[in-house]
Protein backbone atom coordinates (compact mmCIF):
# COMPACT_ATOMS: atom_id res chain seq x y z
CA MET A 1 -25.17 -34.06 -72.96
CA LYS A 2 -26.65 -30.70 -74.31
CA HIS A 3 -29.88 -31.46 -72.39
CA ASN A 4 -30.05 -30.31 -68.63
CA TRP A 5 -29.91 -33.76 -67.01
CA ARG A 6 -30.18 -32.24 -63.49
CA ASN A 7 -33.98 -31.50 -64.38
CA ALA A 8 -34.42 -35.40 -64.33
CA LEU A 9 -33.10 -35.88 -60.75
CA ILE A 10 -35.53 -37.37 -58.10
CA ASN A 11 -35.03 -38.83 -54.69
CA PRO A 12 -36.26 -42.39 -53.69
CA GLN A 13 -39.37 -41.20 -52.00
CA THR A 14 -40.56 -39.35 -55.09
CA SER A 15 -44.22 -40.29 -55.95
CA LEU A 16 -44.82 -41.93 -59.07
CA GLN A 17 -47.10 -39.16 -60.09
CA GLU A 18 -44.33 -36.77 -59.77
CA ALA A 19 -41.84 -39.02 -61.45
CA ILE A 20 -44.15 -38.81 -64.50
CA ARG A 21 -44.06 -34.87 -64.48
CA VAL A 22 -40.24 -35.02 -64.14
CA ILE A 23 -39.82 -37.42 -67.06
CA ASP A 24 -42.22 -35.40 -69.29
CA ALA A 25 -40.66 -32.01 -68.46
CA ALA A 26 -37.22 -33.05 -68.87
CA ALA A 27 -38.14 -34.77 -72.20
CA LEU A 28 -35.52 -37.39 -71.66
CA GLN A 29 -37.78 -40.63 -70.99
CA ILE A 30 -36.00 -41.20 -67.83
CA ALA A 31 -35.65 -39.80 -64.08
CA LEU A 32 -32.34 -40.47 -62.18
CA VAL A 33 -32.96 -41.40 -58.60
CA SER A 34 -30.20 -40.05 -56.45
CA ASP A 35 -29.67 -40.01 -52.62
CA ASP A 36 -28.83 -37.02 -50.50
CA PHE A 37 -25.32 -36.91 -51.59
CA GLY A 38 -26.07 -37.27 -55.37
CA ARG A 39 -25.12 -40.82 -55.86
CA LEU A 40 -27.08 -42.87 -58.13
CA SER A 41 -29.70 -45.16 -56.49
CA GLY A 42 -31.47 -46.11 -59.61
CA VAL A 43 -33.40 -45.05 -62.53
CA VAL A 44 -36.97 -44.83 -63.61
CA THR A 45 -38.30 -44.81 -66.88
CA ASP A 46 -41.71 -44.53 -68.40
CA GLY A 47 -42.29 -48.07 -69.09
CA ASP A 48 -41.37 -48.85 -65.40
CA ILE A 49 -44.16 -46.83 -64.07
CA ARG A 50 -46.67 -48.29 -66.71
CA ARG A 51 -45.74 -51.74 -65.48
CA ALA A 52 -45.98 -50.56 -61.83
CA LEU A 53 -49.60 -49.43 -62.76
CA MET A 54 -50.60 -52.73 -64.42
CA ARG A 55 -49.70 -54.25 -61.23
CA GLY A 56 -51.88 -52.50 -59.11
CA LEU A 57 -49.94 -49.72 -57.71
CA SER A 58 -51.32 -46.23 -57.45
CA LEU A 59 -49.45 -43.00 -58.80
CA ASP A 60 -48.83 -42.29 -55.06
CA HIS A 61 -46.42 -44.93 -54.50
CA ALA A 62 -42.82 -44.04 -54.19
CA VAL A 63 -40.10 -44.50 -57.19
CA ALA A 64 -38.10 -46.85 -54.76
CA GLU A 65 -40.76 -49.48 -55.18
CA VAL A 66 -40.52 -49.69 -59.18
CA MET A 67 -36.99 -48.20 -59.99
CA ASN A 68 -34.30 -50.38 -61.46
CA ALA A 69 -31.52 -50.19 -58.79
CA ASN A 70 -28.84 -51.82 -60.84
CA PRO A 71 -28.85 -49.89 -64.16
CA LYS A 72 -26.21 -50.08 -66.69
CA VAL A 73 -23.89 -46.84 -66.27
CA ALA A 74 -21.01 -45.32 -67.89
CA SER A 75 -17.79 -43.62 -66.36
CA ILE A 76 -16.98 -40.02 -66.68
CA ASN A 77 -13.83 -41.30 -68.45
CA ASP A 78 -15.67 -43.25 -70.92
CA SER A 79 -15.51 -42.37 -74.80
CA LYS A 80 -18.60 -41.66 -76.50
CA THR A 81 -17.96 -44.79 -78.88
CA LYS A 82 -17.77 -46.84 -75.80
CA MET A 83 -21.04 -45.30 -74.51
CA CYS A 84 -22.86 -46.04 -77.59
CA ALA A 85 -21.42 -49.56 -77.78
CA VAL A 86 -22.97 -50.26 -74.47
CA MET A 87 -26.45 -48.81 -75.20
CA GLU A 88 -26.70 -50.66 -78.69
CA ALA A 89 -25.58 -53.96 -76.79
CA HIS A 90 -28.06 -53.81 -74.19
CA ASN A 91 -31.10 -51.83 -76.33
CA LEU A 92 -30.73 -48.69 -74.12
CA ILE A 93 -31.66 -45.34 -74.97
CA HIS A 94 -30.03 -43.51 -72.20
CA LEU A 95 -27.01 -44.01 -70.06
CA PRO A 96 -26.35 -42.25 -66.53
CA ILE A 97 -22.52 -40.95 -66.45
CA LEU A 98 -21.00 -41.50 -63.06
CA ASP A 99 -17.96 -40.43 -61.33
CA ALA A 100 -15.48 -42.37 -59.12
CA ASP A 101 -17.74 -41.84 -56.10
CA ARG A 102 -20.73 -43.04 -58.03
CA LYS A 103 -22.36 -39.72 -58.19
CA VAL A 104 -24.29 -38.53 -61.11
CA VAL A 105 -22.31 -36.30 -63.62
CA GLY A 106 -24.35 -36.24 -66.60
CA LEU A 107 -26.58 -38.34 -68.90
CA GLU A 108 -25.95 -39.71 -72.38
CA THR A 109 -28.82 -40.36 -74.75
CA LEU A 110 -28.95 -42.54 -78.04
CA GLN A 111 -30.65 -39.50 -79.44
CA GLY A 112 -27.89 -37.18 -78.59
CA LEU A 113 -25.28 -39.34 -80.07
CA TYR A 114 -27.18 -39.49 -83.38
CA LYS A 115 -29.38 -37.10 -84.96
CA GLN A 116 -32.91 -36.65 -84.56
CA PRO A 117 -34.46 -40.05 -85.24
CA HIS A 118 -36.93 -40.32 -88.26
CA PHE A 119 -39.24 -43.48 -87.87
CA GLN A 120 -39.88 -45.40 -90.77
CA ASN A 121 -42.74 -47.15 -89.14
CA PRO A 122 -45.69 -46.76 -90.98
CA VAL A 123 -48.82 -44.94 -89.17
CA PHE A 124 -52.30 -46.15 -90.04
CA LEU A 125 -55.13 -43.68 -89.14
CA MET A 126 -58.90 -44.66 -89.12
CA ALA A 127 -61.05 -41.93 -90.65
CA GLY A 128 -63.95 -43.75 -92.27
CA GLY A 129 -66.73 -43.62 -89.61
CA PHE A 130 -70.07 -41.99 -89.80
CA GLY A 131 -69.81 -39.90 -86.73
CA ARG A 132 -73.51 -40.52 -86.18
CA ARG A 133 -73.36 -39.48 -82.37
CA LEU A 134 -72.21 -36.04 -83.53
CA ARG A 135 -74.85 -35.29 -85.79
CA PRO A 136 -75.83 -32.72 -87.19
CA LEU A 137 -72.23 -31.72 -87.00
CA THR A 138 -71.16 -34.55 -89.06
CA ASP A 139 -74.09 -34.42 -91.60
CA VAL A 140 -71.90 -32.56 -94.01
CA CYS A 141 -68.39 -32.76 -92.46
CA PRO A 142 -66.61 -36.23 -91.50
CA LYS A 143 -65.94 -36.33 -87.82
CA PRO A 144 -61.93 -36.12 -88.35
CA LEU A 145 -62.37 -32.76 -90.12
CA LEU A 146 -64.37 -31.07 -87.18
CA GLU A 147 -62.48 -28.36 -85.71
CA ILE A 148 -60.87 -28.23 -82.43
CA GLY A 149 -58.65 -25.47 -81.27
CA GLY A 150 -59.04 -23.90 -84.89
CA LYS A 151 -57.92 -26.95 -86.85
CA PRO A 152 -59.40 -30.42 -87.90
CA ILE A 153 -58.92 -33.31 -85.19
CA LEU A 154 -57.22 -35.28 -87.68
CA GLU A 155 -54.48 -32.46 -88.40
CA THR A 156 -53.68 -32.45 -84.63
CA ILE A 157 -53.22 -36.33 -84.66
CA ILE A 158 -50.82 -36.00 -87.80
CA GLU A 159 -48.93 -32.85 -86.47
CA SER A 160 -48.48 -34.92 -83.30
CA PHE A 161 -46.82 -38.00 -85.08
CA VAL A 162 -44.79 -35.73 -87.30
CA SER A 163 -43.58 -33.75 -84.44
CA SER A 164 -42.11 -37.25 -82.92
CA GLY A 165 -40.37 -38.11 -86.30
CA PHE A 166 -43.31 -40.23 -88.48
CA ARG A 167 -43.26 -39.47 -92.13
CA ASP A 168 -45.31 -42.35 -93.69
CA PHE A 169 -48.96 -42.19 -93.31
CA TYR A 170 -52.15 -44.27 -94.43
CA ILE A 171 -55.51 -42.81 -93.95
CA ALA A 172 -58.53 -45.16 -93.92
CA VAL A 173 -61.60 -43.06 -95.60
CA HIS A 174 -65.14 -43.80 -96.38
CA TYR A 175 -67.73 -41.45 -95.34
CA LEU A 176 -67.18 -38.09 -97.16
CA ALA A 177 -63.94 -39.31 -98.04
CA ASP A 178 -63.19 -36.62 -100.62
CA GLN A 179 -63.20 -33.95 -98.12
CA ILE A 180 -60.56 -35.64 -96.19
CA LYS A 181 -58.35 -36.34 -99.40
CA ASP A 182 -58.87 -32.78 -100.58
CA TYR A 183 -57.60 -31.30 -97.06
CA PHE A 184 -54.68 -33.55 -96.59
CA GLY A 185 -53.66 -34.26 -100.24
CA ASP A 186 -50.29 -36.07 -100.41
CA GLY A 187 -49.13 -34.81 -97.16
CA GLN A 188 -46.71 -32.35 -98.94
CA ARG A 189 -47.82 -29.69 -96.64
CA TRP A 190 -46.45 -31.33 -93.48
CA GLY A 191 -43.35 -32.71 -95.29
CA VAL A 192 -44.88 -36.18 -95.05
CA GLN A 193 -46.35 -38.98 -97.39
CA ILE A 194 -50.08 -39.70 -97.05
CA SER A 195 -51.70 -42.66 -98.95
CA TYR A 196 -55.32 -43.29 -98.64
CA ILE A 197 -57.01 -46.81 -97.98
CA GLU A 198 -60.58 -46.36 -99.55
CA GLU A 199 -63.29 -48.73 -97.88
CA HIS A 200 -66.08 -49.04 -100.63
CA GLU A 201 -67.97 -50.72 -97.51
CA PRO A 202 -67.22 -50.40 -93.98
CA LEU A 203 -64.83 -53.12 -93.08
CA GLY A 204 -64.69 -52.35 -89.15
CA THR A 205 -61.90 -50.98 -87.14
CA ALA A 206 -59.26 -53.69 -88.21
CA GLY A 207 -60.83 -54.93 -91.70
CA ALA A 208 -59.25 -51.86 -93.59
CA LEU A 209 -55.77 -52.91 -92.81
CA GLY A 210 -56.22 -55.76 -95.45
CA LEU A 211 -56.34 -53.06 -97.96
CA LEU A 212 -52.67 -51.96 -97.38
CA PRO A 213 -50.11 -52.70 -99.91
CA THR A 214 -48.06 -55.81 -99.22
CA ASN A 215 -44.59 -53.94 -99.75
CA LEU A 216 -44.57 -52.10 -96.30
CA PRO A 217 -41.22 -52.10 -94.42
CA ASP A 218 -41.10 -55.04 -91.95
CA LEU A 219 -41.67 -52.68 -89.01
CA PRO A 220 -44.38 -52.47 -86.69
CA MET A 221 -47.22 -50.19 -87.46
CA ILE A 222 -48.91 -47.60 -85.15
CA VAL A 223 -52.75 -47.88 -85.69
CA MET A 224 -55.08 -45.13 -84.37
CA ASN A 225 -58.66 -43.92 -84.31
CA GLY A 226 -58.79 -40.51 -86.23
CA ASP A 227 -61.14 -38.94 -83.53
CA ILE A 228 -58.67 -39.21 -80.42
CA LEU A 229 -56.79 -36.05 -78.85
CA THR A 230 -53.93 -37.45 -76.79
CA GLN A 231 -50.37 -36.64 -75.58
CA ILE A 232 -49.08 -40.26 -75.92
CA ASN A 233 -45.41 -40.30 -76.66
CA PHE A 234 -45.49 -42.39 -79.94
CA PRO A 235 -41.67 -43.13 -79.83
CA ARG A 236 -42.11 -44.54 -76.34
CA LEU A 237 -44.91 -46.67 -77.21
CA LEU A 238 -42.83 -48.17 -79.93
CA THR A 239 -39.89 -48.76 -77.57
CA TYR A 240 -42.41 -50.48 -75.08
CA HIS A 241 -43.81 -52.68 -77.81
CA ASN A 242 -40.53 -53.74 -78.96
CA GLU A 243 -39.34 -54.54 -75.45
CA HIS A 244 -42.22 -56.68 -74.73
CA GLN A 245 -42.07 -58.68 -78.19
CA GLY A 246 -45.68 -59.38 -78.64
CA VAL A 247 -47.29 -59.29 -81.92
CA ALA A 248 -49.28 -56.37 -80.99
CA THR A 249 -49.78 -53.66 -78.15
CA LEU A 250 -52.95 -52.31 -77.13
CA CYS A 251 -53.18 -48.90 -75.28
CA VAL A 252 -55.42 -48.73 -72.44
CA ARG A 253 -56.88 -46.28 -69.95
CA GLN A 254 -57.70 -46.88 -66.47
CA TYR A 255 -61.50 -46.18 -65.93
CA GLU A 256 -62.99 -45.72 -62.66
CA TYR A 257 -66.67 -45.99 -61.86
CA GLN A 258 -68.92 -45.82 -58.86
CA ILE A 259 -71.88 -47.79 -58.02
CA PRO A 260 -74.20 -45.37 -56.44
CA TYR A 261 -75.72 -47.95 -54.03
CA GLY A 262 -74.63 -49.96 -51.26
CA VAL A 263 -73.29 -53.29 -52.58
CA VAL A 264 -74.04 -56.50 -50.77
CA SER A 265 -72.19 -59.70 -50.69
CA MET A 266 -73.63 -62.80 -49.71
CA ASP A 267 -73.03 -66.44 -49.00
CA GLY A 268 -76.49 -68.12 -49.75
CA GLN A 269 -79.07 -66.27 -47.87
CA ARG A 270 -76.22 -64.78 -45.52
CA ILE A 271 -75.13 -61.29 -45.85
CA THR A 272 -71.24 -61.23 -45.48
CA ASN A 273 -70.36 -57.61 -46.39
CA ILE A 274 -71.79 -54.21 -47.26
CA VAL A 275 -69.90 -51.63 -49.17
CA GLU A 276 -71.47 -48.19 -49.66
CA LYS A 277 -71.10 -46.78 -53.05
CA PRO A 278 -68.03 -48.64 -53.80
CA VAL A 279 -65.53 -47.41 -56.48
CA HIS A 280 -64.37 -50.06 -59.29
CA SER A 281 -61.70 -49.78 -61.77
CA CYS A 282 -60.88 -51.24 -65.08
CA PHE A 283 -58.71 -50.84 -68.17
CA SER A 284 -60.40 -49.68 -71.36
CA ASN A 285 -59.31 -49.80 -74.89
CA ALA A 286 -57.84 -46.42 -75.90
CA GLY A 287 -58.02 -46.75 -79.59
CA VAL A 288 -54.28 -46.62 -80.11
CA TYR A 289 -52.39 -49.92 -81.07
CA VAL A 290 -49.03 -51.24 -82.36
CA LEU A 291 -49.32 -54.23 -84.61
CA ASN A 292 -46.42 -56.35 -86.05
CA GLN A 293 -46.25 -56.46 -89.98
CA SER A 294 -46.50 -60.08 -89.80
CA LEU A 295 -49.80 -59.64 -88.20
CA VAL A 296 -51.18 -56.93 -90.43
CA GLN A 297 -50.82 -59.26 -93.54
CA THR A 298 -53.13 -61.95 -91.99
CA ILE A 299 -56.01 -59.87 -92.75
CA ALA A 300 -57.59 -60.75 -95.86
CA LYS A 301 -58.70 -58.17 -98.43
CA GLN A 302 -62.38 -56.79 -97.92
CA GLN A 303 -62.60 -58.91 -94.62
CA GLN A 304 -64.80 -57.31 -92.11
CA ILE A 305 -63.61 -57.28 -88.59
CA ASP A 306 -63.24 -55.16 -85.77
CA MET A 307 -59.84 -54.69 -83.64
CA PRO A 308 -61.30 -56.34 -80.48
CA GLU A 309 -62.34 -59.38 -82.09
CA PHE A 310 -59.00 -59.47 -84.16
CA LEU A 311 -56.79 -59.15 -81.19
CA ASN A 312 -58.97 -61.66 -79.30
CA GLN A 313 -58.29 -64.28 -82.26
CA GLN A 314 -54.53 -63.61 -81.63
CA ILE A 315 -54.84 -64.10 -77.82
CA LYS A 316 -56.81 -67.43 -78.17
CA ALA A 317 -54.13 -68.69 -80.75
CA GLY A 318 -51.51 -68.08 -77.77
CA GLU A 319 -49.88 -64.70 -79.17
CA LEU A 320 -48.71 -62.08 -76.82
CA VAL A 321 -50.92 -58.95 -77.03
CA SER A 322 -49.28 -56.35 -74.41
CA MET A 323 -50.98 -53.49 -73.00
CA PHE A 324 -49.67 -50.15 -72.65
CA PRO A 325 -51.35 -47.88 -69.85
CA VAL A 326 -51.87 -44.44 -71.01
CA HIS A 327 -51.63 -41.57 -68.22
CA GLU A 328 -51.03 -38.96 -70.39
CA TYR A 329 -54.10 -36.65 -71.78
CA TRP A 330 -56.40 -38.71 -73.78
CA LEU A 331 -59.78 -37.82 -74.90
CA ASP A 332 -61.99 -39.62 -77.67
CA ILE A 333 -64.23 -37.54 -79.54
CA GLY A 334 -67.54 -39.77 -79.63
CA LYS A 335 -70.42 -37.31 -78.55
CA GLU A 336 -71.31 -33.65 -78.38
CA SER A 337 -70.17 -33.38 -74.70
CA ASP A 338 -66.71 -34.74 -75.61
CA PHE A 339 -66.24 -32.22 -78.38
CA LEU A 340 -67.44 -29.34 -76.08
CA GLN A 341 -64.79 -30.75 -73.51
CA ALA A 342 -62.12 -30.84 -76.05
CA GLN A 343 -63.01 -27.10 -77.12
CA GLY A 344 -62.21 -26.16 -73.46
CA GLU A 345 -59.27 -28.22 -72.91
CA PHE A 346 -57.33 -27.86 -76.36
CA SER A 347 -55.30 -24.99 -75.61
CA LYS A 348 -53.79 -26.46 -72.24
CA TYR A 349 -52.48 -29.42 -73.91
CA PHE A 350 -51.75 -28.60 -77.44
């Protein structure tokens, strides 16, 4: 319990927005909800908040509406061995510690009981695109090597994974592939292993997965576009994927757009309602995925297929594809305005 668990304490009326800030600032992946006397009322995790967003709740709602009011807990007298057994038995990564009056006196984490985790899950980064919307910047430089904040976009992505404990990378390359291979090499400079998947012809955003070796560990793989800057917590993403037990998880962003006119509803020729400049909301693909190895291996070599089509095939076949709402910083570097925006925001988030 070397961490300061007190930084994770909130009250039941705390908003989900503030709970996110506390969870991120405390870096414990959990907030402890306590009453005015310090007694545990419940816990709320990153996953709880994302599920609430999927149900349509806003970030202004109170944590009391989404918290787990009956979490597994430990007694102050329990041994670390017992705490570890409880966490392993219930697939937990944190355990509040209470005294005889149910007051919070600590928080044990699986990470604290063991060494800093190193994930054996492979990471697949898609870096083969032409970057046509960013020409002339991409005429002689592949988009993943464009510099933002003094370093290539792809380097920032890799460093984000490395800092989270990932070590095994595959990079799909096509356009100006040699530049990417020359820059990153075998990954030794970052203390990781980088292998390259070369597309001789563009295979789409999922097709390159069919070129992966067949002897990869039987672990979920994180797949990500090589032109995204984000603060997604990748270990949390893996935990979320494993909890939901689907074949794939798709990261999504909530996107709002306003219709600049009054919208008319009608029944036949009769107007039933007029709404002035309504705001609509939907979830959009964030370009980050988790795929089970059994699913990856269904993609044939040289098969041309994009990820939306591939995931739609799984959905139609009755497989579970989960969605992971992203509330962290996220920016797709697709066009010049995105590139300029990223230049202005980089120092704030990275």
